[in-house]
Amino acid sequence: MKIRLLYISVSGNTRHFVTNLATYGNEIGDYEFEPVEISDASVDNIETDPFFVFVPTYLDGGNGIHSGVKEIMTNALSDQVDFNRGSQKLLGVVGSGNKNFNAQYILTARRYAVEFHAPMIAEYELRGTNRDLERVYAHMTHRIKEYLAEHAPSPSDLRLVRLADHVQGEGVLIDDTHHLVSQILVPDLHDCSELTQITEVVHPEEVYSAQGNLISVQHYWLWPVQGKKLAFPAAALTHEVVSD
């Protein structure tokens, strides 16, 4: 599962931290992280997968508290998050700044969290430290696990097409809500106890035909199913459903 880390950096502090964070996370290997720097020259892209945004504090006029806020340095980042409702995939906001500015510390990040209805998951000062890397990474992975649990498919979303002859055993798992279809598998090797929609067919060709039709005609995603429980992994739900 690839997670994009969107950021903007004027002085280089945020670039330094996010690059090191991605390296640290990729070495651990639970998820794949891709740092993406946004600038005024960036082309807006549709964010189709969950992502985090790293927001430094830049104020240009006003103190952000009593005399208003004039914040223009991160507009390109804000535009990218908001482009084509991309904020719906925003997992969380990480803020940075200088604690010498007291109440203005991570003010821009807090404003992002409010504007895009996303949790403020962590903060660090200036270029951050190794301990900050560990702490921010822990908050990110916790948020990713929350997101996956929230979007885990319900057994009621799933249906199984299988051969009535369990000796041969071919079958295919289908999620019509999220447009997913599994590889040809052997259902008896998995726990099917939570499935309520099971269709038994006579000929193996019916299983293969059901899978082929969903992929080639209805544009379902072929996603492998592994493990004891017969279910799609939560990570499969991060793709975009394609409709004609």
Protein backbone atom coordinates (compact mmCIF):
# COMPACT_ATOMS: atom_id res chain seq x y z
CA MET A 1 0.00 0.00 0.00
CA LYS A 2 1.58 3.28 -1.14
CA ILE A 3 0.98 6.42 0.92
CA ARG A 4 1.88 9.79 -0.57
CA LEU A 5 3.37 12.44 1.72
CA LEU A 6 2.46 15.83 0.26
CA TYR A 7 4.44 18.82 1.45
CA ILE A 8 5.60 22.31 0.56
CA SER A 9 8.99 23.66 1.56
CA VAL A 10 10.40 27.17 1.19
CA SER A 11 13.37 27.08 3.58
CA GLY A 12 14.09 23.36 3.13
CA ASN A 13 13.13 22.27 6.65
CA THR A 14 9.97 20.41 5.64
CA ARG A 15 11.72 18.79 2.67
CA HIS A 16 14.48 17.54 4.97
CA PHE A 17 12.03 16.06 7.47
CA VAL A 18 9.61 14.44 5.01
CA THR A 19 12.41 12.91 2.93
CA ASN A 20 13.97 11.39 6.04
CA LEU A 21 10.58 10.24 7.28
CA ALA A 22 9.83 8.43 4.00
CA THR A 23 13.23 6.74 4.13
CA TYR A 24 12.67 5.71 7.75
CA GLY A 25 9.20 4.33 7.03
CA ASN A 26 10.27 2.48 3.88
CA GLU A 27 13.12 0.80 5.77
CA ILE A 28 10.60 -0.53 8.30
CA GLY A 29 8.54 -1.76 5.36
CA ASP A 30 4.99 -1.88 6.74
CA TYR A 31 3.86 0.61 4.09
CA GLU A 32 5.43 2.32 1.11
CA PHE A 33 5.80 6.09 1.46
CA GLU A 34 6.34 8.52 -1.41
CA PRO A 35 7.37 12.11 -0.61
CA VAL A 36 5.80 14.57 -3.06
CA GLU A 37 6.88 18.21 -3.03
CA ILE A 38 4.23 20.70 -4.14
CA SER A 39 5.08 24.15 -5.49
CA ASP A 40 3.48 26.87 -7.60
CA ALA A 41 4.85 25.05 -10.66
CA SER A 42 3.19 21.74 -9.75
CA VAL A 43 0.39 20.33 -11.88
CA ASP A 44 -2.67 19.46 -9.81
CA ASN A 45 -3.19 15.70 -9.60
CA ILE A 46 -6.24 13.77 -8.44
CA GLU A 47 -5.40 12.05 -5.14
CA THR A 48 -6.95 8.61 -5.56
CA ASP A 49 -5.22 6.95 -2.59
CA PRO A 50 -4.97 7.91 1.08
CA PHE A 51 -2.29 10.53 1.80
CA PHE A 52 -0.88 12.78 4.51
CA VAL A 53 -0.07 16.46 4.20
CA PHE A 54 2.88 18.20 5.90
CA VAL A 55 2.29 21.88 6.51
CA PRO A 56 4.89 24.41 7.69
CA THR A 57 3.86 27.75 9.17
CA TYR A 58 4.20 30.79 6.94
CA LEU A 59 2.43 34.04 7.82
CA ASP A 60 2.68 37.11 5.59
CA GLY A 61 0.90 39.86 7.44
CA GLY A 62 -1.13 39.65 10.62
CA ASN A 63 -0.14 37.67 13.66
CA GLY A 64 -2.68 34.93 13.03
CA ILE A 65 -4.35 35.55 16.36
CA HIS A 66 -5.58 39.13 16.88
CA SER A 67 -4.82 40.92 13.65
CA GLY A 68 -5.97 38.35 11.15
CA VAL A 69 -4.16 35.89 8.94
CA LYS A 70 -2.50 36.52 5.63
CA GLU A 71 -1.07 33.15 4.70
CA ILE A 72 -0.01 32.82 1.06
CA MET A 73 3.08 30.62 1.06
CA THR A 74 1.26 27.26 1.10
CA ASN A 75 -1.58 28.04 -1.30
CA ALA A 76 -0.24 25.60 -3.89
CA LEU A 77 -0.41 22.79 -1.33
CA SER A 78 -3.93 23.76 -0.31
CA ASP A 79 -5.01 23.80 -3.95
CA GLN A 80 -3.59 20.31 -4.49
CA VAL A 81 -5.38 18.88 -1.45
CA ASP A 82 -8.64 20.45 -2.54
CA PHE A 83 -8.34 19.55 -6.24
CA ASN A 84 -11.23 17.37 -7.44
CA ARG A 85 -12.27 16.62 -3.83
CA GLY A 86 -8.89 15.10 -3.04
CA SER A 87 -9.33 16.03 0.61
CA GLN A 88 -11.69 13.06 0.93
CA LYS A 89 -8.57 10.86 0.87
CA LEU A 90 -6.65 13.00 3.37
CA LEU A 91 -5.66 10.83 6.33
CA GLY A 92 -4.24 13.57 8.50
CA VAL A 93 -2.22 16.76 8.86
CA VAL A 94 1.29 17.05 10.28
CA GLY A 95 2.35 20.58 11.26
CA SER A 96 5.71 22.23 11.77
CA GLY A 97 7.00 25.62 12.79
CA ASN A 98 9.06 27.53 15.33
CA LYS A 99 7.97 27.39 18.97
CA ASN A 100 9.46 30.84 19.52
CA PHE A 101 6.33 32.19 17.83
CA ASN A 102 4.18 30.82 20.65
CA ALA A 103 0.50 30.71 19.63
CA GLN A 104 1.41 30.91 15.94
CA TYR A 105 3.27 27.59 16.18
CA ILE A 106 1.73 25.12 13.64
CA LEU A 107 -1.09 27.63 13.07
CA THR A 108 -1.20 26.95 9.33
CA ALA A 109 -1.47 23.20 9.88
CA ARG A 110 -4.31 23.68 12.35
CA ARG A 111 -6.13 25.77 9.77
CA TYR A 112 -5.69 22.98 7.20
CA ALA A 113 -7.15 20.45 9.63
CA VAL A 114 -10.24 22.60 10.12
CA GLU A 115 -10.65 23.49 6.44
CA PHE A 116 -10.34 19.92 5.17
CA HIS A 117 -12.02 18.17 8.13
CA ALA A 118 -8.95 16.03 8.78
CA PRO A 119 -7.31 15.10 12.09
CA MET A 120 -4.21 16.93 13.24
CA ILE A 121 -2.09 13.88 14.02
CA ALA A 122 1.36 15.25 14.91
CA GLU A 123 3.73 18.21 14.97
CA TYR A 124 7.47 18.85 15.09
CA GLU A 125 9.74 21.90 15.28
CA LEU A 126 11.89 23.22 12.44
CA ARG A 127 13.83 20.31 10.81
CA GLY A 128 12.77 17.79 13.43
CA THR A 129 14.88 15.20 15.25
CA ASN A 130 15.30 11.43 15.01
CA ARG A 131 12.89 11.10 17.91
CA ASP A 132 10.39 13.22 15.97
CA LEU A 133 10.71 10.83 13.02
CA GLU A 134 9.85 7.87 15.24
CA ARG A 135 6.97 9.70 16.91
CA VAL A 136 5.41 11.05 13.70
CA TYR A 137 5.78 7.65 12.01
CA ALA A 138 3.99 5.98 14.94
CA HIS A 139 1.09 8.46 14.68
CA MET A 140 0.89 7.93 10.91
CA THR A 141 0.78 4.13 11.11
CA HIS A 142 -1.86 4.33 13.84
CA ARG A 143 -3.99 6.57 11.60
CA ILE A 144 -3.50 4.23 8.61
CA LYS A 145 -4.70 1.28 10.68
CA GLU A 146 -7.73 3.30 11.81
CA TYR A 147 -8.56 4.14 8.21
CA LEU A 148 -8.23 0.54 7.04
CA ALA A 149 -10.43 -0.67 9.90
CA GLU A 150 -13.05 1.97 9.08
CA HIS A 151 -13.12 0.88 5.44
CA ALA A 152 -12.86 -2.87 5.94
CA PRO A 153 -15.47 -4.68 3.84
CA SER A 154 -18.46 -6.11 5.64
CA PRO A 155 -19.23 -9.81 5.05
CA SER A 156 -22.60 -8.66 3.71
CA ASP A 157 -20.75 -6.92 0.85
CA LEU A 158 -19.25 -10.20 -0.33
CA ARG A 159 -20.56 -13.08 -2.38
CA LEU A 160 -18.96 -16.36 -3.33
CA VAL A 161 -19.47 -18.25 -6.57
CA ARG A 162 -18.23 -21.82 -6.19
CA LEU A 163 -18.60 -25.30 -7.60
CA ALA A 164 -21.22 -27.48 -5.98
CA ASP A 165 -18.66 -30.29 -6.24
CA HIS A 166 -16.35 -29.40 -3.37
CA VAL A 167 -13.83 -32.01 -4.49
CA GLN A 168 -12.77 -29.87 -7.42
CA GLY A 169 -13.30 -26.79 -5.31
CA GLU A 170 -12.89 -23.80 -7.64
CA GLY A 171 -14.53 -20.59 -6.56
CA VAL A 172 -14.26 -16.82 -6.83
CA LEU A 173 -14.95 -14.12 -4.22
CA ILE A 174 -16.76 -10.97 -5.36
CA ASP A 175 -17.34 -7.58 -3.73
CA ASP A 176 -19.93 -5.71 -5.81
CA THR A 177 -19.80 -2.62 -3.61
CA HIS A 178 -16.11 -1.96 -4.23
CA HIS A 179 -15.84 -3.66 -7.66
CA LEU A 180 -13.42 -6.38 -6.55
CA VAL A 181 -13.03 -9.96 -7.75
CA SER A 182 -10.53 -12.52 -6.48
CA GLN A 183 -8.27 -14.98 -8.22
CA ILE A 184 -9.68 -18.47 -8.79
CA LEU A 185 -9.31 -20.08 -5.38
CA VAL A 186 -10.30 -23.09 -3.31
CA PRO A 187 -12.94 -21.88 -0.81
CA ASP A 188 -12.54 -24.90 1.47
CA LEU A 189 -9.02 -23.74 2.27
CA HIS A 190 -10.46 -20.56 3.81
CA ASP A 191 -12.89 -19.67 6.56
CA CYS A 192 -16.20 -18.92 4.81
CA SER A 193 -18.34 -18.94 7.94
CA GLU A 194 -19.25 -15.23 7.77
CA LEU A 195 -20.35 -15.26 4.14
CA THR A 196 -24.10 -15.18 3.61
CA GLN A 197 -24.22 -15.01 -0.20
CA ILE A 198 -22.97 -18.26 -1.71
CA THR A 199 -23.95 -19.39 -5.19
CA GLU A 200 -23.09 -22.94 -6.23
CA VAL A 201 -22.67 -23.80 -9.90
CA VAL A 202 -22.25 -27.09 -11.72
CA HIS A 203 -19.50 -26.47 -14.26
CA PRO A 204 -16.01 -25.00 -13.68
CA GLU A 205 -16.52 -22.82 -16.76
CA GLU A 206 -19.23 -20.92 -14.87
CA VAL A 207 -16.74 -19.84 -12.21
CA TYR A 208 -14.18 -18.72 -14.78
CA SER A 209 -16.84 -17.00 -16.86
CA ALA A 210 -18.16 -15.07 -13.83
CA GLN A 211 -14.66 -13.81 -13.06
CA GLY A 212 -13.82 -12.97 -16.67
CA ASN A 213 -17.06 -11.04 -17.20
CA LEU A 214 -16.52 -8.93 -14.10
CA ILE A 215 -12.98 -8.01 -15.13
CA SER A 216 -13.37 -7.46 -18.87
CA VAL A 217 -16.93 -6.13 -19.09
CA GLN A 218 -17.70 -4.54 -15.73
CA HIS A 219 -14.15 -3.36 -15.02
CA TYR A 220 -13.79 -5.01 -11.63
CA TRP A 221 -10.35 -5.04 -10.03
CA LEU A 222 -8.64 -8.43 -9.76
CA TRP A 223 -7.32 -8.54 -6.22
CA PRO A 224 -5.68 -11.62 -4.64
CA VAL A 225 -7.16 -13.06 -1.47
CA GLN A 226 -4.79 -14.61 1.04
CA GLY A 227 -4.94 -15.80 4.61
CA LYS A 228 -7.33 -18.01 6.51
CA LYS A 229 -10.40 -15.77 6.37
CA LEU A 230 -12.05 -15.50 2.96
CA ALA A 231 -12.16 -11.72 2.56
CA PHE A 232 -10.47 -8.94 0.65
CA PRO A 233 -7.78 -7.01 2.54
CA ALA A 234 -8.79 -3.53 3.64
CA ALA A 235 -6.04 -2.09 1.46
CA ALA A 236 -8.00 -3.21 -1.61
CA LEU A 237 -10.62 -0.60 -0.87
CA THR A 238 -8.31 2.35 -1.56
CA HIS A 239 -8.68 2.10 -5.33
CA GLU A 240 -11.14 4.19 -7.31
CA VAL A 241 -14.26 2.48 -8.64
CA VAL A 242 -14.39 2.89 -12.41
CA SER A 243 -17.76 3.43 -14.03
CA ASP A 244 -18.62 4.08 -17.66
